[in-house]
């Protein structure tokens, strides 16, 4: 009897999206972000021991969003398809406008939590 001769179908936890559904949701989110904000740029973040490769989109206001992508090549392709400039965060770092936006958001988050 061969133990590994048959492939098993992927078992998903109830409610968990398939890979294809997750990919479509990610592309839809990134597309919506670009469509509803001004001056969006993409920053590719490399994989670490804790996180996979991610694509971060940052608007001129500093507002940002981040999503996982399979690899750096895919991140560049997604940015190109969205028609936005793409940068390597290891070479350029994060833009100051993003850090400023994060600083402005901290007091608002604390107020919402009741601190």
Protein backbone atom coordinates (compact mmCIF):
# COMPACT_ATOMS: atom_id res chain seq x y z
CA UNK A 1 0.00 0.00 0.00
CA UNK A 2 1.46 3.33 -1.05
CA UNK A 3 0.89 5.98 1.59
CA UNK A 4 1.66 9.03 -0.52
CA UNK A 5 0.43 7.90 -3.91
CA UNK A 6 -2.76 9.94 -3.88
CA UNK A 7 -3.09 13.65 -3.56
CA UNK A 8 -5.58 14.88 -1.05
CA UNK A 9 -7.84 17.79 -1.67
CA UNK A 10 -7.00 20.87 0.35
CA UNK A 11 -9.13 21.05 3.45
CA UNK A 12 -10.17 24.55 4.42
CA UNK A 13 -11.33 25.65 7.81
CA UNK A 14 -14.98 26.67 7.69
CA UNK A 15 -15.22 30.13 6.22
CA UNK A 16 -11.56 30.35 5.18
CA UNK A 17 -11.16 31.57 1.59
CA UNK A 18 -9.39 29.49 -1.03
CA UNK A 19 -6.07 30.74 -2.41
CA UNK A 20 -7.79 32.05 -5.53
CA UNK A 21 -10.45 33.88 -3.49
CA UNK A 22 -7.78 35.39 -1.24
CA UNK A 23 -5.81 36.54 -4.30
CA UNK A 24 -8.89 38.19 -5.81
CA UNK A 25 -9.70 39.90 -2.51
CA UNK A 26 -6.13 41.21 -2.22
CA UNK A 27 -6.13 42.59 -5.77
CA UNK A 28 -9.56 44.16 -5.22
CA UNK A 29 -8.39 45.83 -2.00
CA UNK A 30 -5.21 47.22 -3.57
CA UNK A 31 -7.09 48.41 -6.66
CA UNK A 32 -9.67 50.17 -4.50
CA UNK A 33 -6.92 51.82 -2.44
CA UNK A 34 -5.23 53.18 -5.59
CA UNK A 35 -8.56 54.29 -7.08
CA UNK A 36 -9.70 56.18 -3.97
CA UNK A 37 -6.45 57.90 -2.98
CA UNK A 38 -4.09 60.36 -4.64
CA UNK A 39 -0.42 59.78 -5.48
CA UNK A 40 -0.17 56.17 -4.34
CA UNK A 41 3.25 54.51 -4.48
CA UNK A 42 4.15 50.88 -3.84
CA UNK A 43 6.90 49.66 -1.52
CA UNK A 44 8.04 46.04 -1.58
CA UNK A 45 8.96 44.67 1.84
CA UNK A 46 11.19 41.56 1.84
CA UNK A 47 10.36 38.36 3.65
CA UNK A 48 11.62 38.00 7.21
CA UNK A 49 11.64 35.11 9.67
CA UNK A 50 8.22 36.25 10.83
CA UNK A 51 6.48 37.65 7.74
CA UNK A 52 6.33 36.82 4.04
CA UNK A 53 6.98 39.33 1.23
CA UNK A 54 4.48 42.17 1.46
CA UNK A 55 3.40 45.01 -0.79
CA UNK A 56 2.72 48.29 0.97
CA UNK A 57 0.81 51.08 -0.78
CA UNK A 58 1.28 54.61 0.54
CA UNK A 59 -0.79 57.63 -0.53
CA UNK A 60 0.43 61.24 -0.54
CA UNK A 61 -1.41 61.77 2.76
CA UNK A 62 0.71 59.02 4.32
CA UNK A 63 -2.24 56.64 4.66
CA UNK A 64 -1.11 53.11 3.88
CA UNK A 65 -2.18 49.53 3.46
CA UNK A 66 -0.18 46.31 3.36
CA UNK A 67 -0.92 42.90 1.87
CA UNK A 68 1.04 39.66 1.55
CA UNK A 69 2.23 38.61 -1.90
CA UNK A 70 3.90 35.36 -3.00
CA UNK A 71 7.24 36.96 -3.94
CA UNK A 72 8.97 40.19 -4.95
CA UNK A 73 8.43 39.56 -8.65
CA UNK A 74 4.67 39.35 -8.07
CA UNK A 75 4.76 42.55 -5.99
CA UNK A 76 6.42 44.43 -8.85
CA UNK A 77 3.94 42.97 -11.35
CA UNK A 78 0.95 44.01 -9.22
CA UNK A 79 2.27 47.57 -8.89
CA UNK A 80 2.93 47.73 -12.62
CA UNK A 81 -0.61 46.49 -13.34
CA UNK A 82 -1.99 49.16 -10.99
CA UNK A 83 0.03 51.79 -12.88
CA UNK A 84 1.91 53.08 -9.84
CA UNK A 85 5.63 53.49 -9.11
CA UNK A 86 7.24 50.72 -7.09
CA UNK A 87 10.24 50.95 -4.76
CA UNK A 88 12.30 48.54 -2.68
CA UNK A 89 11.90 49.51 0.97
CA UNK A 90 15.37 48.12 1.79
CA UNK A 91 16.96 50.62 -0.56
CA UNK A 92 14.76 53.67 -0.01
CA UNK A 93 13.23 53.16 3.42
CA UNK A 94 9.73 54.32 4.30
CA UNK A 95 8.65 57.83 3.32
CA UNK A 96 8.38 60.42 6.07
CA UNK A 97 4.73 61.09 5.18
CA UNK A 98 3.86 57.55 6.32
CA UNK A 99 5.56 58.03 9.69
CA UNK A 100 3.79 61.40 10.07
CA UNK A 101 0.42 59.80 9.29
CA UNK A 102 1.08 57.05 11.86
CA UNK A 103 1.94 59.69 14.47
CA UNK A 104 -1.29 61.56 13.78
CA UNK A 105 -3.30 58.33 14.10
CA UNK A 106 -1.96 57.29 17.53
CA UNK A 107 -4.04 59.76 19.59
CA UNK A 108 -7.19 58.79 17.66
CA UNK A 109 -6.63 55.09 18.35
CA UNK A 110 -6.14 55.77 22.07
CA UNK A 111 -9.37 57.80 22.20
CA UNK A 112 -11.30 54.95 20.59
CA UNK A 113 -9.94 52.47 23.13
CA UNK A 114 -10.85 54.75 26.01
CA UNK A 115 -7.31 55.42 27.28
